[in-house]
Amino acid sequence: MTQPVSNCPNCGAKIVFEWSSSVQTVCQYCKSILVRTDVDLRKVGQVADLPPDSSPIQLNTEGVYRNRSFVVGGRILYEYDQGGWNEWHITMNDGASAWLSDAQNEFAVSFLSNTSGLPAAGQVQVGQQYNWNNQEYTVSVITPAHYRGVEGELPFPYWDKTEVTFADLRSPTGKFATLDYSDEQPALYLGEFVEFDDLKLKNLRSFEGW
């Protein structure tokens, strides 16, 4: 598959999209946030310096989930009153898009669901139960968060957020769900918690002392 290639409209550097489904990337030279349209690249913002991160995962980290290999292509970073977490955008070997949540040494892989009729943010409370795909979920926490920044490639434009709200849900069987209220219409992501070692990650960040 041909990789979309263009030049950064801010500094002129060559921009190559590793995945044809990506519509946003960050110029590694000038840190401009670039959105791809049908005809060109448009600069929509600038990435501020991201805070130090202790996650071993990084762009181009590779792994395996349920016998399907994947590669990390992008990241959205959030902060909240107890710290921060990463949402790594991963592309599976069949082209499917998924997310690897990395929060306080707890990891979950999830996929966007096309479920309709999702509750509005004001309707969701801790302890409420929902049934999706014949699986019972209970709301465990509602997190008001602050969008901190992005890097790498994303499958949608995401650069001008401020405060965002997430409702996380768990099932008795280890399944995981997130109601994402970043946009006007809520989005539902369904997945499961995973053990770090089971992901068989390689090309990880190295830290002094490892």
Protein backbone atom coordinates (compact mmCIF):
# COMPACT_ATOMS: atom_id res chain seq x y z
CA MET A 1 0.00 0.00 0.00
CA THR A 2 1.36 3.43 -0.94
CA GLN A 3 2.22 5.67 1.98
CA PRO A 4 0.84 9.22 1.68
CA VAL A 5 3.76 11.64 1.36
CA SER A 6 3.75 15.43 1.58
CA ASN A 7 5.73 18.32 3.04
CA CYS A 8 5.16 20.17 6.27
CA PRO A 9 3.50 23.50 5.43
CA ASN A 10 5.36 25.12 8.33
CA CYS A 11 8.98 24.02 7.87
CA GLY A 12 8.98 22.10 4.59
CA ALA A 13 10.14 18.79 6.07
CA LYS A 14 9.08 15.61 4.32
CA ILE A 15 6.03 14.06 5.97
CA VAL A 16 5.29 10.38 5.43
CA PHE A 17 2.13 8.81 6.84
CA GLU A 18 2.94 5.26 7.85
CA TRP A 19 -0.72 4.26 7.72
CA SER A 20 -3.09 5.33 4.98
CA SER A 21 -5.96 5.61 7.48
CA SER A 22 -4.17 8.32 9.47
CA VAL A 23 -5.49 11.86 9.09
CA GLN A 24 -3.37 13.67 11.69
CA THR A 25 0.33 13.63 12.46
CA VAL A 26 2.97 15.73 14.20
CA CYS A 27 6.01 17.04 12.32
CA GLN A 28 9.03 15.61 14.13
CA TYR A 29 11.11 18.68 13.25
CA CYS A 30 8.95 21.71 14.10
CA LYS A 31 6.23 19.97 16.18
CA SER A 32 3.42 21.35 14.03
CA ILE A 33 0.16 19.42 14.29
CA LEU A 34 -0.84 18.55 10.72
CA VAL A 35 -4.22 17.40 9.41
CA ARG A 36 -4.39 15.67 6.05
CA THR A 37 -7.15 16.62 3.63
CA ASP A 38 -7.83 15.29 0.15
CA VAL A 39 -5.37 17.71 -1.42
CA ASP A 40 -2.78 18.82 1.11
CA LEU A 41 -1.60 19.13 4.70
CA ARG A 42 -2.91 21.88 6.93
CA LYS A 43 -1.22 23.12 10.07
CA VAL A 44 -3.80 23.36 12.85
CA GLY A 45 -1.67 23.82 15.93
CA GLN A 46 1.61 23.30 17.72
CA VAL A 47 2.57 20.60 20.20
CA ALA A 48 3.79 21.92 23.51
CA ASP A 49 6.56 20.04 25.28
CA LEU A 50 5.04 16.92 26.78
CA PRO A 51 5.76 16.14 30.44
CA PRO A 52 8.25 13.40 31.37
CA ASP A 53 6.73 9.98 30.92
CA SER A 54 7.63 6.76 32.72
CA SER A 55 5.87 4.44 30.28
CA PRO A 56 8.14 1.97 28.47
CA ILE A 57 5.85 2.17 25.44
CA GLN A 58 6.76 4.57 22.64
CA LEU A 59 5.98 5.23 19.00
CA ASN A 60 6.80 2.16 16.86
CA THR A 61 6.62 -0.23 19.79
CA GLU A 62 5.37 -3.56 18.47
CA GLY A 63 3.32 -6.20 20.24
CA VAL A 64 0.77 -8.99 20.00
CA TYR A 65 -2.85 -9.03 21.11
CA ARG A 66 -4.93 -12.20 20.74
CA ASN A 67 -2.51 -13.62 18.17
CA ARG A 68 -2.64 -10.41 16.09
CA SER A 69 0.47 -8.30 15.84
CA PHE A 70 0.25 -4.52 16.14
CA VAL A 71 2.41 -1.43 16.07
CA VAL A 72 2.04 1.82 18.05
CA GLY A 73 1.50 4.77 15.74
CA GLY A 74 0.33 7.64 17.93
CA ARG A 75 -0.50 8.85 21.39
CA ILE A 76 -2.99 11.08 23.19
CA LEU A 77 -1.88 12.17 26.65
CA TYR A 78 -4.33 13.12 29.39
CA GLU A 79 -3.89 14.54 32.88
CA TYR A 80 -6.25 14.41 35.84
CA ASP A 81 -6.11 15.09 39.58
CA GLN A 82 -4.26 11.86 40.34
CA GLY A 83 -1.70 11.98 37.54
CA GLY A 84 -1.90 11.18 33.87
CA TRP A 85 -2.25 8.38 31.39
CA ASN A 86 -1.56 7.53 27.77
CA GLU A 87 -3.93 6.35 25.08
CA TRP A 88 -1.71 4.71 22.45
CA HIS A 89 -3.23 4.32 19.01
CA ILE A 90 -2.29 0.91 17.67
CA THR A 91 -2.77 -0.53 14.19
CA MET A 92 -3.36 -4.26 13.97
CA ASN A 93 -1.77 -6.40 11.26
CA ASP A 94 -5.12 -6.56 9.45
CA GLY A 95 -5.42 -2.76 9.40
CA ALA A 96 -7.90 -2.52 12.27
CA SER A 97 -7.58 0.47 14.59
CA ALA A 98 -7.44 -0.01 18.36
CA TRP A 99 -6.27 1.71 21.53
CA LEU A 100 -3.87 0.60 24.23
CA SER A 101 -4.63 2.40 27.48
CA ASP A 102 -1.60 2.78 29.74
CA ALA A 103 -2.51 4.07 33.20
CA GLN A 104 -0.59 3.48 36.43
CA ASN A 105 0.76 0.12 35.24
CA GLU A 106 -2.69 -1.07 34.21
CA PHE A 107 -3.18 -1.86 30.54
CA ALA A 108 -6.29 -2.37 28.42
CA VAL A 109 -6.89 -2.86 24.70
CA SER A 110 -10.15 -1.55 23.26
CA PHE A 111 -11.89 -1.03 19.93
CA LEU A 112 -14.47 1.56 18.89
CA SER A 113 -17.99 0.14 19.03
CA ASN A 114 -20.85 1.19 16.73
CA THR A 115 -23.36 0.92 19.59
CA SER A 116 -26.06 3.59 19.39
CA GLY A 117 -28.24 5.18 22.04
CA LEU A 118 -25.39 5.86 24.44
CA PRO A 119 -26.14 7.81 27.64
CA ALA A 120 -25.22 11.47 27.89
CA ALA A 121 -22.46 12.44 30.30
CA GLY A 122 -24.91 13.89 32.82
CA GLN A 123 -26.86 10.63 32.94
CA VAL A 124 -23.95 8.39 33.97
CA GLN A 125 -23.22 7.66 37.62
CA VAL A 126 -20.79 5.35 39.40
CA GLY A 127 -22.44 1.99 40.09
CA GLN A 128 -24.80 2.09 37.11
CA GLN A 129 -24.93 -1.00 34.93
CA TYR A 130 -25.10 -1.31 31.15
CA ASN A 131 -25.29 -4.30 28.84
CA TRP A 132 -23.38 -4.21 25.56
CA ASN A 133 -22.73 -7.22 23.34
CA ASN A 134 -24.38 -9.46 25.94
CA GLN A 135 -21.86 -8.38 28.56
CA GLU A 136 -22.79 -6.64 31.81
CA TYR A 137 -20.65 -3.60 32.71
CA THR A 138 -20.65 -1.47 35.84
CA VAL A 139 -19.48 2.14 35.92
CA SER A 140 -16.39 2.14 38.17
CA VAL A 141 -15.12 5.71 37.82
CA ILE A 142 -15.96 8.96 36.06
CA THR A 143 -12.86 10.99 35.26
CA PRO A 144 -12.79 14.68 34.31
CA ALA A 145 -9.46 14.99 32.51
CA HIS A 146 -7.38 17.61 30.77
CA TYR A 147 -6.10 16.99 27.26
CA ARG A 148 -2.33 17.43 27.45
CA GLY A 149 -1.03 16.74 23.95
CA VAL A 150 -0.46 14.35 21.08
CA GLU A 151 2.34 12.75 19.12
CA GLY A 152 2.57 10.50 16.10
CA GLU A 153 -0.32 9.57 13.80
CA LEU A 154 -4.01 9.43 14.71
CA PRO A 155 -7.05 8.19 12.77
CA PHE A 156 -8.97 11.42 13.41
CA PRO A 157 -8.19 15.11 14.02
CA TYR A 158 -7.57 15.61 17.73
CA TRP A 159 -5.69 18.69 18.76
CA ASP A 160 -8.00 21.41 20.12
CA LYS A 161 -9.49 19.74 23.19
CA THR A 162 -9.40 21.16 26.71
CA GLU A 163 -11.44 19.44 29.40
CA VAL A 164 -12.79 15.98 28.57
CA THR A 165 -14.79 13.40 30.54
CA PHE A 166 -14.50 9.62 30.52
CA ALA A 167 -16.60 6.99 32.25
CA ASP A 168 -14.80 3.68 32.75
CA LEU A 169 -16.72 0.47 33.22
CA ARG A 170 -15.69 -3.04 34.23
CA SER A 171 -17.24 -6.46 33.99
CA PRO A 172 -16.89 -9.43 36.37
CA THR A 173 -14.99 -11.27 33.61
CA GLY A 174 -12.22 -8.67 33.14
CA LYS A 175 -13.81 -6.87 30.24
CA PHE A 176 -13.33 -3.12 29.97
CA ALA A 177 -15.41 -0.31 28.48
CA THR A 178 -15.02 3.44 28.20
CA LEU A 179 -17.63 6.05 27.43
CA ASP A 180 -15.71 8.88 25.78
CA TYR A 181 -17.31 12.32 25.93
CA SER A 182 -14.58 14.17 24.03
CA ASP A 183 -16.97 15.12 21.23
CA GLU A 184 -20.57 16.25 21.00
CA GLN A 185 -21.72 12.66 20.53
CA PRO A 186 -20.43 10.08 23.02
CA ALA A 187 -18.30 7.18 21.79
CA LEU A 188 -18.05 3.71 23.27
CA TYR A 189 -14.87 1.64 23.33
CA LEU A 190 -15.03 -2.03 24.32
CA GLY A 191 -12.11 -4.24 25.22
CA GLU A 192 -10.38 -5.99 28.06
CA PHE A 193 -7.58 -5.62 30.58
CA VAL A 194 -4.33 -7.25 29.55
CA GLU A 195 -1.11 -8.21 31.30
CA PHE A 196 1.94 -6.29 30.18
CA ASP A 197 3.99 -9.42 29.54
CA ASP A 198 1.19 -11.01 27.48
CA LEU A 199 1.50 -8.20 24.92
CA LYS A 200 5.03 -9.41 24.04
CA LEU A 201 6.15 -5.84 23.44
CA LYS A 202 9.41 -4.99 21.72
CA ASN A 203 11.12 -1.75 20.73
CA LEU A 204 10.40 -0.36 24.18
CA ARG A 205 11.98 2.69 25.72
CA SER A 206 15.08 1.98 27.75
CA PHE A 207 15.65 3.64 31.09
CA GLU A 208 18.88 4.11 32.98
CA GLY A 209 19.38 1.21 35.33
CA TRP A 210 17.37 -1.31 33.28
